[in-house]
Structures are given as C-alpha cells and as structure tokens.
C-alpha cells in the first residue's frame, strides 16, 4: 500500500489529511503529511509560509491527501 492509498482510505480526526509538497523540475516531492490535527490544512499552510521564508528559491504548497 502506498502512502497515497493509505490516506485516501483512512482518516484520523475530522479534518482531511494534507501533504506539504515541494515543486521540483521533475515531479512534486512530498515533504510531510499532516493528519490528526484539528485543522490540517491550516497547519500545512503555516509550514508553507515558514519554508518559503527559510528557502526563498524553493516553492511549496499543500495538497489534499484524502477526501
């Protein structure tokens, strides 16, 4: 079972899981996953801001891991 399959089929808490993703030349890189928190999307976006401040040449975004 892949990580994607796991989060598509399971859920921890009321908030859907989110991947923190780094854009790359070849394909997106999943850096972290947020699940089990009250608001996974908010937490993920807060880390996007922190990563963008620390690594200004890199681009990050949050992607839904399950629905």
PDB file of N, CA and C in Angstrom:
ATOM      1  N   UNK A   1       0.852  -1.176   0.000  1.00  0.00           N
ATOM      2  CA  UNK A   1       0.000   0.000   0.000  1.00  0.00           C
ATOM      3  C   UNK A   1       0.899   1.241   0.000  1.00  0.00           C
ATOM      4  N   UNK A   2       0.607   2.170  -0.885  1.00  0.00           N
ATOM      5  CA  UNK A   2       1.369   3.416  -0.945  1.00  0.00           C
ATOM      6  C   UNK A   2       0.857   4.400   0.105  1.00  0.00           C
ATOM      7  N   UNK A   3       1.627   5.426   0.352  1.00  0.00           N
ATOM      8  CA  UNK A   3       1.209   6.478   1.282  1.00  0.00           C
ATOM      9  C   UNK A   3      -0.081   7.115   0.789  1.00  0.00           C
ATOM     10  N   UNK A   4      -0.166   7.345  -0.510  1.00  0.00           N
ATOM     11  CA  UNK A   4      -1.367   7.945  -1.092  1.00  0.00           C
ATOM     12  C   UNK A   4      -2.587   7.063  -0.851  1.00  0.00           C
ATOM     13  N   UNK A   5      -2.428   5.750  -1.046  1.00  0.00           N
ATOM     14  CA  UNK A   5      -3.531   4.814  -0.813  1.00  0.00           C
ATOM     15  C   UNK A   5      -3.975   4.849   0.644  1.00  0.00           C
ATOM     16  N   UNK A   6      -3.007   4.851   1.544  1.00  0.00           N
ATOM     17  CA  UNK A   6      -3.323   4.853   2.967  1.00  0.00           C
ATOM     18  C   UNK A   6      -4.181   6.058   3.342  1.00  0.00           C
ATOM     19  N   UNK A   7      -3.771   7.239   2.921  1.00  0.00           N
ATOM     20  CA  UNK A   7      -4.510   8.437   3.308  1.00  0.00           C
ATOM     21  C   UNK A   7      -5.805   8.604   2.529  1.00  0.00           C
ATOM     22  N   UNK A   8      -5.922   7.980   1.368  1.00  0.00           N
ATOM     23  CA  UNK A   8      -7.180   8.004   0.639  1.00  0.00           C
ATOM     24  C   UNK A   8      -8.219   7.142   1.349  1.00  0.00           C
ATOM     25  N   UNK A   9      -7.761   6.035   1.938  1.00  0.00           N
ATOM     26  CA  UNK A   9      -8.678   5.068   2.546  1.00  0.00           C
ATOM     27  C   UNK A   9      -8.893   5.275   4.041  1.00  0.00           C
ATOM     28  N   UNK A  10      -8.047   6.049   4.695  1.00  0.00           N
ATOM     29  CA  UNK A  10      -8.187   6.217   6.140  1.00  0.00           C
ATOM     30  C   UNK A  10      -8.216   7.694   6.510  1.00  0.00           C
ATOM     31  N   UNK A  11      -8.663   7.930   7.716  1.00  0.00           N
ATOM     32  CA  UNK A  11      -8.784   9.305   8.185  1.00  0.00           C
ATOM     33  C   UNK A  11      -8.576   9.321   9.694  1.00  0.00           C
ATOM     34  N   UNK A  12      -7.822  10.289  10.175  1.00  0.00           N
ATOM     35  CA  UNK A  12      -7.613  10.474  11.605  1.00  0.00           C
ATOM     36  C   UNK A  12      -8.190  11.834  11.972  1.00  0.00           C
ATOM     37  N   UNK A  13      -9.259  11.838  12.726  1.00  0.00           N
ATOM     38  CA  UNK A  13      -9.894  13.093  13.106  1.00  0.00           C
ATOM     39  C   UNK A  13     -10.891  13.576  12.068  1.00  0.00           C
ATOM     40  N   UNK A  14     -11.385  14.777  12.260  1.00  0.00           N
ATOM     41  CA  UNK A  14     -12.428  15.331  11.393  1.00  0.00           C
ATOM     42  C   UNK A  14     -11.871  16.059  10.184  1.00  0.00           C
ATOM     43  N   UNK A  15     -10.616  16.466  10.251  1.00  0.00           N
ATOM     44  CA  UNK A  15     -10.004  17.250   9.185  1.00  0.00           C
ATOM     45  C   UNK A  15      -9.290  16.327   8.200  1.00  0.00           C
ATOM     46  N   UNK A  16      -9.456  16.550   6.885  1.00  0.00           N
ATOM     47  CA  UNK A  16      -8.741  15.717   5.916  1.00  0.00           C
ATOM     48  C   UNK A  16      -7.230  15.930   6.021  1.00  0.00           C
ATOM     49  N   UNK A  17      -6.472  14.926   5.623  1.00  0.00           N
ATOM     50  CA  UNK A  17      -5.009  14.997   5.658  1.00  0.00           C
ATOM     51  C   UNK A  17      -4.488  15.824   4.486  1.00  0.00           C
ATOM     52  N   UNK A  18      -3.338  16.459   4.695  1.00  0.00           N
ATOM     53  CA  UNK A  18      -2.701  17.267   3.651  1.00  0.00           C
ATOM     54  C   UNK A  18      -1.225  16.928   3.554  1.00  0.00           C
ATOM     55  N   UNK A  19      -0.724  16.904   2.317  1.00  0.00           N
ATOM     56  CA  UNK A  19       0.704  16.777   2.066  1.00  0.00           C
ATOM     57  C   UNK A  19       1.308  18.165   1.935  1.00  0.00           C
ATOM     58  N   UNK A  20       2.478  18.363   2.515  1.00  0.00           N
ATOM     59  CA  UNK A  20       3.304  19.531   2.231  1.00  0.00           C
ATOM     60  C   UNK A  20       4.167  19.112   1.050  1.00  0.00           C
ATOM     61  N   UNK A  21       4.051  19.828  -0.065  1.00  0.00           N
ATOM     62  CA  UNK A  21       4.692  19.421  -1.313  1.00  0.00           C
ATOM     63  C   UNK A  21       5.664  20.497  -1.780  1.00  0.00           C
ATOM     64  N   UNK A  22       6.832  20.056  -2.216  1.00  0.00           N
ATOM     65  CA  UNK A  22       7.815  20.957  -2.811  1.00  0.00           C
ATOM     66  C   UNK A  22       7.778  20.771  -4.322  1.00  0.00           C
ATOM     67  N   UNK A  23       7.652  21.882  -5.054  1.00  0.00           N
ATOM     68  CA  UNK A  23       7.706  21.816  -6.515  1.00  0.00           C
ATOM     69  C   UNK A  23       9.140  21.518  -6.923  1.00  0.00           C
ATOM     70  N   UNK A  24       9.288  20.679  -7.938  1.00  0.00           N
ATOM     71  CA  UNK A  24      10.622  20.386  -8.456  1.00  0.00           C
ATOM     72  C   UNK A  24      10.558  20.311  -9.973  1.00  0.00           C
ATOM     73  N   UNK A  25      11.710  20.235 -10.595  1.00  0.00           N
ATOM     74  CA  UNK A  25      11.770  20.196 -12.057  1.00  0.00           C
ATOM     75  C   UNK A  25      11.099  18.940 -12.603  1.00  0.00           C
ATOM     76  N   UNK A  26      11.348  17.801 -11.972  1.00  0.00           N
ATOM     77  CA  UNK A  26      10.810  16.550 -12.496  1.00  0.00           C
ATOM     78  C   UNK A  26       9.395  16.264 -12.006  1.00  0.00           C
ATOM     79  N   UNK A  27       9.236  16.067 -10.724  1.00  0.00           N
ATOM     80  CA  UNK A  27       7.911  15.792 -10.173  1.00  0.00           C
ATOM     81  C   UNK A  27       7.826  16.347  -8.761  1.00  0.00           C
ATOM     82  N   UNK A  28       6.618  16.597  -8.256  1.00  0.00           N
ATOM     83  CA  UNK A  28       6.468  17.144  -6.903  1.00  0.00           C
ATOM     84  C   UNK A  28       7.054  16.192  -5.856  1.00  0.00           C
ATOM     85  N   UNK A  29       7.623  16.772  -4.807  1.00  0.00           N
ATOM     86  CA  UNK A  29       8.213  15.989  -3.722  1.00  0.00           C
ATOM     87  C   UNK A  29       7.358  16.184  -2.476  1.00  0.00           C
ATOM     88  N   UNK A  30       6.796  15.103  -1.961  1.00  0.00           N
ATOM     89  CA  UNK A  30       6.012  15.186  -0.727  1.00  0.00           C
ATOM     90  C   UNK A  30       6.984  15.233   0.450  1.00  0.00           C
ATOM     91  N   UNK A  31       6.994  16.359   1.132  1.00  0.00           N
ATOM     92  CA  UNK A  31       7.943  16.598   2.215  1.00  0.00           C
ATOM     93  C   UNK A  31       7.399  16.107   3.549  1.00  0.00           C
ATOM     94  N   UNK A  32       6.097  16.288   3.769  1.00  0.00           N
ATOM     95  CA  UNK A  32       5.480  15.917   5.045  1.00  0.00           C
ATOM     96  C   UNK A  32       3.998  15.664   4.822  1.00  0.00           C
ATOM     97  N   UNK A  33       3.383  15.035   5.804  1.00  0.00           N
ATOM     98  CA  UNK A  33       1.933  14.840   5.774  1.00  0.00           C
ATOM     99  C   UNK A  33       1.380  15.275   7.127  1.00  0.00           C
ATOM    100  N   UNK A  34       0.236  15.931   7.095  1.00  0.00           N
ATOM    101  CA  UNK A  34      -0.426  16.406   8.307  1.00  0.00           C
ATOM    102  C   UNK A  34      -1.755  15.688   8.454  1.00  0.00           C
ATOM    103  N   UNK A  35      -1.930  15.020   9.583  1.00  0.00           N
ATOM    104  CA  UNK A  35      -3.182  14.325   9.858  1.00  0.00           C
ATOM    105  C   UNK A  35      -3.372  14.238  11.366  1.00  0.00           C
ATOM    106  N   UNK A  36      -4.605  14.141  11.786  1.00  0.00           N
ATOM    107  CA  UNK A  36      -4.906  14.008  13.202  1.00  0.00           C
ATOM    108  C   UNK A  36      -4.997  15.323  13.966  1.00  0.00           C
ATOM    109  N   UNK A  37      -4.725  16.436  13.295  1.00  0.00           N
ATOM    110  CA  UNK A  37      -4.844  17.741  13.940  1.00  0.00           C
ATOM    111  C   UNK A  37      -6.250  18.293  13.714  1.00  0.00           C
ATOM    112  N   UNK A  38      -6.600  19.304  14.472  1.00  0.00           N
ATOM    113  CA  UNK A  38      -7.928  19.902  14.338  1.00  0.00           C
ATOM    114  C   UNK A  38      -8.125  20.507  12.954  1.00  0.00           C
ATOM    115  N   UNK A  39      -7.090  21.157  12.420  1.00  0.00           N
ATOM    116  CA  UNK A  39      -7.176  21.762  11.091  1.00  0.00           C
ATOM    117  C   UNK A  39      -5.854  21.519  10.353  1.00  0.00           C
ATOM    118  N   UNK A  40      -5.781  20.398   9.666  1.00  0.00           N
ATOM    119  CA  UNK A  40      -4.557  20.004   8.967  1.00  0.00           C
ATOM    120  C   UNK A  40      -4.169  20.983   7.866  1.00  0.00           C
ATOM    121  N   UNK A  41      -5.149  21.516   7.165  1.00  0.00           N
ATOM    122  CA  UNK A  41      -4.861  22.456   6.077  1.00  0.00           C
ATOM    123  C   UNK A  41      -4.202  23.726   6.619  1.00  0.00           C
ATOM    124  N   UNK A  42      -4.731  24.245   7.706  1.00  0.00           N
ATOM    125  CA  UNK A  42      -4.173  25.464   8.301  1.00  0.00           C
ATOM    126  C   UNK A  42      -2.729  25.228   8.747  1.00  0.00           C
ATOM    127  N   UNK A  43      -2.486  24.116   9.411  1.00  0.00           N
ATOM    128  CA  UNK A  43      -1.137  23.794   9.868  1.00  0.00           C
ATOM    129  C   UNK A  43      -0.185  23.644   8.686  1.00  0.00           C
ATOM    130  N   UNK A  44      -0.620  22.968   7.649  1.00  0.00           N
ATOM    131  CA  UNK A  44       0.203  22.792   6.455  1.00  0.00           C
ATOM    132  C   UNK A  44       0.547  24.149   5.839  1.00  0.00           C
ATOM    133  N   UNK A  45      -0.438  25.010   5.706  1.00  0.00           N
ATOM    134  CA  UNK A  45      -0.193  26.330   5.111  1.00  0.00           C
ATOM    135  C   UNK A  45       0.738  27.187   5.964  1.00  0.00           C
ATOM    136  N   UNK A  46       0.676  27.027   7.277  1.00  0.00           N
ATOM    137  CA  UNK A  46       1.608  27.743   8.144  1.00  0.00           C
ATOM    138  C   UNK A  46       3.041  27.285   7.877  1.00  0.00           C
ATOM    139  N   UNK A  47       3.217  25.985   7.661  1.00  0.00           N
ATOM    140  CA  UNK A  47       4.554  25.489   7.350  1.00  0.00           C
ATOM    141  C   UNK A  47       5.008  25.902   5.962  1.00  0.00           C
ATOM    142  N   UNK A  48       4.078  26.011   5.024  1.00  0.00           N
ATOM    143  CA  UNK A  48       4.434  26.520   3.694  1.00  0.00           C
ATOM    144  C   UNK A  48       5.058  27.904   3.847  1.00  0.00           C
ATOM    145  N   UNK A  49       4.437  28.765   4.628  1.00  0.00           N
ATOM    146  CA  UNK A  49       4.961  30.118   4.838  1.00  0.00           C
ATOM    147  C   UNK A  49       6.356  30.085   5.463  1.00  0.00           C
ATOM    148  N   UNK A  50       6.539  29.230   6.471  1.00  0.00           N
ATOM    149  CA  UNK A  50       7.845  29.130   7.124  1.00  0.00           C
ATOM    150  C   UNK A  50       8.918  28.618   6.162  1.00  0.00           C
ATOM    151  N   UNK A  51       8.585  27.598   5.398  1.00  0.00           N
ATOM    152  CA  UNK A  51       9.546  27.049   4.432  1.00  0.00           C
ATOM    153  C   UNK A  51       9.893  28.076   3.362  1.00  0.00           C
ATOM    154  N   UNK A  52       8.911  28.823   2.892  1.00  0.00           N
ATOM    155  CA  UNK A  52       9.158  29.820   1.850  1.00  0.00           C
ATOM    156  C   UNK A  52      10.050  30.951   2.386  1.00  0.00           C
ATOM    157  N   UNK A  53       9.905  31.289   3.661  1.00  0.00           N
ATOM    158  CA  UNK A  53      10.786  32.294   4.267  1.00  0.00           C
ATOM    159  C   UNK A  53      12.213  31.768   4.383  1.00  0.00           C
ATOM    160  N   UNK A  54      12.323  30.528   4.803  1.00  0.00           N
ATOM    161  CA  UNK A  54      13.653  29.941   5.021  1.00  0.00           C
ATOM    162  C   UNK A  54      14.349  29.566   3.717  1.00  0.00           C
ATOM    163  N   UNK A  55      13.571  29.087   2.751  1.00  0.00           N
ATOM    164  CA  UNK A  55      14.123  28.648   1.460  1.00  0.00           C
ATOM    165  C   UNK A  55      13.430  29.417   0.330  1.00  0.00           C
ATOM    166  N   UNK A  56      13.765  30.692   0.147  1.00  0.00           N
ATOM    167  CA  UNK A  56      13.034  31.550  -0.793  1.00  0.00           C
ATOM    168  C   UNK A  56      13.127  31.130  -2.263  1.00  0.00           C
ATOM    169  N   UNK A  57      14.096  30.325  -2.627  1.00  0.00           N
ATOM    170  CA  UNK A  57      14.206  29.882  -4.022  1.00  0.00           C
ATOM    171  C   UNK A  57      13.363  28.639  -4.306  1.00  0.00           C
ATOM    172  N   UNK A  58      12.854  28.015  -3.267  1.00  0.00           N
ATOM    173  CA  UNK A  58      12.005  26.828  -3.427  1.00  0.00           C
ATOM    174  C   UNK A  58      10.539  27.225  -3.357  1.00  0.00           C
ATOM    175  N   UNK A  59       9.677  26.394  -3.908  1.00  0.00           N
ATOM    176  CA  UNK A  59       8.231  26.642  -3.883  1.00  0.00           C
ATOM    177  C   UNK A  59       7.533  25.456  -3.238  1.00  0.00           C
ATOM    178  N   UNK A  60       6.640  25.765  -2.302  1.00  0.00           N
ATOM    179  CA  UNK A  60       5.909  24.747  -1.565  1.00  0.00           C
ATOM    180  C   UNK A  60       4.415  25.029  -1.653  1.00  0.00           C
ATOM    181  N   UNK A  61       3.629  23.973  -1.501  1.00  0.00           N
ATOM    182  CA  UNK A  61       2.180  24.122  -1.448  1.00  0.00           C
ATOM    183  C   UNK A  61       1.594  22.931  -0.695  1.00  0.00           C
ATOM    184  N   UNK A  62       0.327  23.028  -0.345  1.00  0.00           N
ATOM    185  CA  UNK A  62      -0.374  21.943   0.337  1.00  0.00           C
ATOM    186  C   UNK A  62      -1.293  21.244  -0.654  1.00  0.00           C
ATOM    187  N   UNK A  63      -1.326  19.928  -0.570  1.00  0.00           N
ATOM    188  CA  UNK A  63      -2.184  19.132  -1.444  1.00  0.00           C
ATOM    189  C   UNK A  63      -3.011  18.181  -0.590  1.00  0.00           C
ATOM    190  N   UNK A  64      -4.275  18.084  -0.911  1.00  0.00           N
ATOM    191  CA  UNK A  64      -5.183  17.196  -0.193  1.00  0.00           C
ATOM    192  C   UNK A  64      -4.720  15.750  -0.336  1.00  0.00           C
ATOM    193  N   UNK A  65      -4.601  15.044   0.788  1.00  0.00           N
ATOM    194  CA  UNK A  65      -4.157  13.649   0.767  1.00  0.00           C
ATOM    195  C   UNK A  65      -5.333  12.682   0.777  1.00  0.00           C
ATOM    196  N   UNK A  66      -6.464  13.115   1.279  1.00  0.00           N
ATOM    197  CA  UNK A  66      -7.670  12.278   1.268  1.00  0.00           C
ATOM    198  C   UNK A  66      -8.900  13.173   1.224  1.00  0.00           C
ATOM    199  N   UNK A  67     -10.013  12.583   0.898  1.00  0.00           N
ATOM    200  CA  UNK A  67     -11.262  13.358   0.806  1.00  0.00           C
ATOM    201  C   UNK A  67     -12.305  12.778   1.707  1.00  0.00           C
TER     202      UNK A  67
END
